[in-house]
Protein backbone atom coordinates (compact mmCIF):
# COMPACT_ATOMS: atom_id res chain seq x y z
CA UNK A 1 10.73 21.03 -47.44
CA UNK A 2 12.08 22.15 -44.11
CA UNK A 3 11.89 19.87 -40.90
CA UNK A 4 8.94 20.63 -38.78
CA UNK A 5 9.56 22.36 -35.43
CA UNK A 6 10.19 20.14 -32.46
CA UNK A 7 6.85 20.68 -30.94
CA UNK A 8 4.78 21.38 -34.09
CA UNK A 9 1.71 19.05 -34.58
CA UNK A 10 3.83 17.23 -37.44
CA UNK A 11 6.63 16.22 -35.13
CA UNK A 12 6.22 13.07 -32.94
CA UNK A 13 6.69 13.49 -29.25
CA UNK A 14 10.13 12.57 -27.89
CA UNK A 15 9.51 9.32 -25.97
CA UNK A 16 11.86 7.71 -23.63
CA UNK A 17 11.06 4.09 -22.54
CA UNK A 18 12.83 2.93 -19.37
CA UNK A 19 13.60 -0.64 -18.29
CA UNK A 20 15.06 -1.41 -14.71
CA UNK A 21 17.06 -4.61 -14.97
CA UNK A 22 18.48 -7.01 -12.56
CA UNK A 23 19.19 -10.62 -13.95
CA UNK A 24 17.01 -10.20 -17.13
CA UNK A 25 19.43 -11.64 -19.66
CA UNK A 26 16.80 -13.99 -20.93
CA UNK A 27 14.38 -11.34 -21.81
CA UNK A 28 16.17 -8.10 -22.60
CA UNK A 29 16.97 -8.60 -26.34
CA UNK A 30 13.48 -9.76 -27.24
CA UNK A 31 11.83 -6.99 -25.11
CA UNK A 32 13.80 -4.10 -26.88
CA UNK A 33 12.86 -5.70 -30.20
CA UNK A 34 9.06 -5.82 -29.38
CA UNK A 35 9.15 -2.32 -27.71
CA UNK A 36 10.58 -1.00 -30.94
CA UNK A 37 7.77 -2.72 -32.84
CA UNK A 38 5.21 -0.77 -31.01
CA UNK A 39 7.12 2.31 -30.53
CA UNK A 40 9.73 2.54 -33.34
CA UNK A 41 10.63 6.11 -32.74
CA UNK A 42 11.10 5.55 -28.86
CA UNK A 43 14.51 6.05 -27.26
CA UNK A 44 15.24 3.11 -24.72
CA UNK A 45 16.88 3.65 -21.33
CA UNK A 46 18.18 0.41 -19.62
CA UNK A 47 19.25 0.78 -16.04
CA UNK A 48 21.14 -2.25 -14.84
CA UNK A 49 22.00 -2.95 -11.19
CA UNK A 50 25.12 -4.97 -11.84
CA UNK A 51 23.25 -8.02 -12.71
CA UNK A 52 25.42 -11.24 -12.26
CA UNK A 53 23.76 -12.90 -15.27
CA UNK A 54 25.32 -10.52 -17.78
CA UNK A 55 22.31 -8.36 -18.52
CA UNK A 56 24.38 -5.33 -18.47
CA UNK A 57 26.68 -6.62 -21.15
CA UNK A 58 23.66 -7.37 -23.14
CA UNK A 59 22.30 -3.76 -22.84
CA UNK A 60 25.87 -2.55 -23.93
CA UNK A 61 25.61 -4.67 -27.04
CA UNK A 62 22.18 -3.41 -27.75
CA UNK A 63 23.28 0.19 -27.34
CA UNK A 64 26.28 -0.54 -29.78
CA UNK A 65 23.99 -2.17 -32.58
CA UNK A 66 20.79 0.06 -32.29
CA UNK A 67 20.13 3.70 -32.46
CA UNK A 68 19.01 5.74 -29.40
CA UNK A 69 19.61 3.15 -26.77
CA UNK A 70 21.03 4.36 -23.54
CA UNK A 71 22.53 2.37 -20.45
CA UNK A 72 23.11 3.28 -16.88
CA UNK A 73 25.08 0.85 -14.91
CA UNK A 74 24.72 1.04 -11.17
CA UNK A 75 27.01 -0.57 -8.44
CA UNK A 76 24.48 -3.11 -7.17
CA UNK A 77 20.90 -3.80 -6.53
CA UNK A 78 19.69 -0.49 -5.24
CA UNK A 79 16.05 -0.99 -5.74
CA UNK A 80 13.27 -0.79 -8.49
CA UNK A 81 11.97 2.72 -7.34
CA UNK A 82 15.61 4.28 -7.23
CA UNK A 83 16.04 3.17 -10.79
CA UNK A 84 12.75 4.41 -11.98
CA UNK A 85 13.53 7.78 -10.17
CA UNK A 86 16.90 7.95 -11.95
CA UNK A 87 15.11 7.13 -15.17
CA UNK A 88 12.76 10.00 -14.50
CA UNK A 89 15.46 12.42 -13.95
CA UNK A 90 17.07 11.29 -17.13
CA UNK A 91 13.97 12.03 -18.90
CA UNK A 92 13.66 15.44 -17.49
CA UNK A 93 17.36 16.41 -17.87
CA UNK A 94 17.17 15.27 -21.71
CA UNK A 95 14.19 17.11 -22.51
CA UNK A 96 11.96 14.19 -23.44
CA UNK A 97 8.15 14.90 -23.94
CA UNK A 98 6.80 11.58 -22.74
CA UNK A 99 8.31 9.12 -20.31
CA UNK A 100 7.05 5.58 -20.17
CA UNK A 101 8.00 2.75 -17.94
CA UNK A 102 7.51 -0.99 -18.02
CA UNK A 103 8.88 -4.08 -16.22
CA UNK A 104 11.69 -5.88 -18.07
CA UNK A 105 10.25 -9.39 -17.80
CA UNK A 106 7.46 -9.27 -20.31
CA UNK A 107 4.81 -9.14 -17.58
CA UNK A 108 3.90 -5.84 -19.27
CA UNK A 109 3.40 -6.75 -22.94
CA UNK A 110 4.58 -3.83 -25.27
CA UNK A 111 1.52 -4.28 -27.44
CA UNK A 112 -0.18 -2.07 -24.92
CA UNK A 113 2.08 0.82 -25.66
CA UNK A 114 0.12 2.54 -28.30
CA UNK A 115 -3.04 2.60 -26.23
CA UNK A 116 -1.01 4.33 -23.25
CA UNK A 117 0.32 6.67 -25.81
CA UNK A 118 -3.06 7.35 -27.17
CA UNK A 119 -4.30 8.23 -23.81
CA UNK A 120 -1.55 10.89 -23.39
CA UNK A 121 -3.72 13.24 -25.82
CA UNK A 122 -5.78 14.25 -22.95
CA UNK A 123 -4.00 13.05 -19.78
CA UNK A 124 -0.74 13.77 -18.08
CA UNK A 125 -0.32 10.27 -16.56
CA UNK A 126 -1.78 6.99 -18.23
CA UNK A 127 -1.62 3.82 -16.14
CA UNK A 128 -1.72 0.48 -17.73
CA UNK A 129 -4.34 -0.98 -15.20
CA UNK A 130 -5.07 -4.64 -14.39
CA UNK A 131 -8.41 -3.48 -12.50
CA UNK A 132 -10.47 -1.55 -14.94
CA UNK A 133 -12.88 -3.26 -17.25
CA UNK A 134 -10.88 -5.29 -19.79
CA UNK A 135 -7.71 -5.51 -17.63
CA UNK A 136 -6.63 -8.97 -16.58
CA UNK A 137 -4.07 -10.85 -14.57
CA UNK A 138 -2.61 -14.47 -15.92
CA UNK A 139 -2.82 -17.52 -13.96
CA UNK A 140 0.37 -17.40 -11.84
CA UNK A 141 -0.67 -14.30 -10.23
CA UNK A 142 -1.86 -16.40 -7.04
CA UNK A 143 -4.38 -15.52 -4.40
CA UNK A 144 -1.53 -14.14 -2.20
CA UNK A 145 -0.20 -11.71 -4.60
CA UNK A 146 -3.77 -10.76 -5.76
CA UNK A 147 -4.68 -9.95 -2.14
CA UNK A 148 -1.55 -7.93 -1.60
CA UNK A 149 -2.02 -6.08 -4.74
CA UNK A 150 -5.64 -5.20 -4.16
CA UNK A 151 -4.83 -4.43 -0.51
CA UNK A 152 -2.07 -1.87 -1.27
CA UNK A 153 -4.27 -0.25 -3.97
CA UNK A 154 -7.12 0.14 -1.21
CA UNK A 155 -4.40 1.41 1.21
CA UNK A 156 -2.98 3.99 -1.21
CA UNK A 157 -6.39 5.36 -2.33
CA UNK A 158 -7.38 5.71 1.40
CA UNK A 159 -4.04 7.47 2.61
CA UNK A 160 -2.80 9.29 -0.50
CA UNK A 161 -6.32 10.46 -1.98
CA UNK A 162 -5.76 8.67 -5.30
CA UNK A 163 -8.56 7.81 -7.50
CA UNK A 164 -7.17 5.59 -9.89
CA UNK A 165 -7.55 1.82 -9.46
CA UNK A 166 -4.21 0.31 -10.28
CA UNK A 167 -1.65 2.55 -8.23
CA UNK A 168 0.99 -0.37 -7.65
CA UNK A 169 1.72 -1.32 -11.08
CA UNK A 170 4.74 0.13 -12.94
CA UNK A 171 3.40 0.21 -16.47
CA UNK A 172 2.70 4.05 -17.10
CA UNK A 173 3.31 7.02 -19.15
CA UNK A 174 3.88 10.36 -17.74
CA UNK A 175 4.21 13.82 -19.35
CA UNK A 176 7.82 15.00 -18.54
CA UNK A 177 6.88 18.70 -18.29
CA UNK A 178 4.64 17.83 -15.31
CA UNK A 179 7.34 15.52 -13.63
CA UNK A 180 9.62 18.51 -13.98
CA UNK A 181 7.28 20.43 -11.70
CA UNK A 182 7.79 17.78 -8.76
CA UNK A 183 10.72 18.38 -6.54
CA UNK A 184 12.18 14.79 -7.17
CA UNK A 185 14.69 15.14 -4.19
CA UNK A 186 11.83 14.76 -1.87
CA UNK A 187 10.82 11.37 -2.87
CA UNK A 188 11.30 8.66 -0.04
CA UNK A 189 10.55 5.56 -1.90
CA UNK A 190 13.35 3.57 -3.12
CA UNK A 191 11.50 0.23 -3.48
CA UNK A 192 7.92 -0.77 -4.52
CA UNK A 193 6.21 2.15 -2.79
CA UNK A 194 7.69 4.56 -5.43
CA UNK A 195 4.64 3.59 -7.70
CA UNK A 196 2.22 5.01 -5.30
CA UNK A 197 4.50 7.80 -4.25
CA UNK A 198 5.02 9.34 -7.74
CA UNK A 199 1.39 9.17 -8.42
CA UNK A 200 0.79 11.13 -5.14
CA UNK A 201 3.06 13.86 -6.15
CA UNK A 202 1.64 13.96 -9.98
CA UNK A 203 -1.69 14.47 -8.24
CA UNK A 204 -0.22 17.38 -6.18
CA UNK A 205 0.97 19.12 -9.51
CA UNK A 206 -2.51 18.79 -11.01
CA UNK A 207 -1.90 15.89 -13.28
CA UNK A 208 -4.90 14.43 -15.15
CA UNK A 209 -4.66 10.72 -14.80
CA UNK A 210 -6.39 8.07 -16.78
CA UNK A 211 -6.14 4.18 -17.03
CA UNK A 212 -6.26 1.94 -19.90
CA UNK A 213 -6.67 -1.72 -19.61
CA UNK A 214 -3.69 -4.23 -19.86
CA UNK A 215 -3.17 -7.93 -19.44
CA UNK A 216 -0.48 -8.50 -16.85
CA UNK A 217 1.37 -11.68 -18.18
CA UNK A 218 3.74 -14.28 -16.51
CA UNK A 219 7.25 -13.42 -16.90
CA UNK A 220 8.93 -15.31 -19.89
CA UNK A 221 12.36 -16.02 -18.39
CA UNK A 222 13.99 -15.73 -14.78
CA UNK A 223 12.47 -15.22 -11.58
CA UNK A 224 10.41 -12.75 -9.55
CA UNK A 225 12.21 -10.17 -7.45
CA UNK A 226 9.31 -9.58 -5.12
CA UNK A 227 9.97 -10.11 -1.48
CA UNK A 228 8.00 -9.59 1.81
CA UNK A 229 10.55 -7.28 3.39
CA UNK A 230 10.21 -4.66 0.46
CA UNK A 231 6.28 -4.98 0.61
CA UNK A 232 6.40 -4.31 4.30
CA UNK A 233 8.59 -1.03 3.84
CA UNK A 234 6.34 0.02 1.07
CA UNK A 235 3.23 -0.05 3.56
CA UNK A 236 5.51 1.95 6.05
CA UNK A 237 6.47 4.62 3.48
CA UNK A 238 2.71 4.98 2.27
CA UNK A 239 1.79 5.39 5.79
CA UNK A 240 4.19 8.18 6.39
CA UNK A 241 3.27 10.06 3.48
CA UNK A 242 -0.42 9.70 4.43
CA UNK A 243 0.11 11.11 7.77
CA UNK A 244 2.25 14.13 6.38
CA UNK A 245 -0.70 14.75 3.86
CA UNK A 246 -3.28 14.53 6.74
CA UNK A 247 -1.12 17.19 8.74
CA UNK A 248 -0.80 19.41 5.72
CA UNK A 249 2.87 18.84 5.59
CA UNK A 250 2.98 17.88 1.74
CA UNK A 251 1.66 21.27 0.59
CA UNK A 252 4.03 23.52 -1.38
CA UNK A 253 6.66 20.77 -1.80
CA UNK A 254 6.57 20.91 -5.39
CA UNK A 255 8.76 23.17 -7.45
């Protein structure tokens, strides 16, 4: 019997899972194993920002020992947003059907991947959401972080016209054909505001967006990379994009 055509109903979608890493040597091996448990046919892309703890070396070992693992080494700590953008370009350039991103510290448990993929049957973007019924956040997500997270989500909905509830989390799956309609070179964000900005451009190309509940859990190893400076910069970029939207300067900026 001949193999099914690449896009026939019998053929699984080509899925790329991306992990942006900086000092995640204590998490990476186990995380890749668990991703493959819930998405056995997924390709995995690790983008490492020259981690001093040897994360890049571990990524290379995984690439050498496992099928369909890819690694990009970057010269230094260039930002989560720029790493995710590089992964998006990789997915577009290599012809994947679906692109799924999650944090590399186990705060986004891979057990929710099947629910995200299931939602892609009738959506173009599926968000793993902390803020829809059934979503939750573990205890170490203190009041200050909760306030910042809920505040930036309200801010993004107001300025960018987003309807989704969790616009700041990075646990998401995208339809690559829709990402390919966006002029990726115009994206301003290189830090945390990338999460809101990419949703804005997805909205501009007509993406159908959905949310599925997840539990945001405490990282298993290492320390958080969140800092106040990047959070303030994120607010500034969202404001700039919101003003451009209000002035009609974001129309026609897709491919």
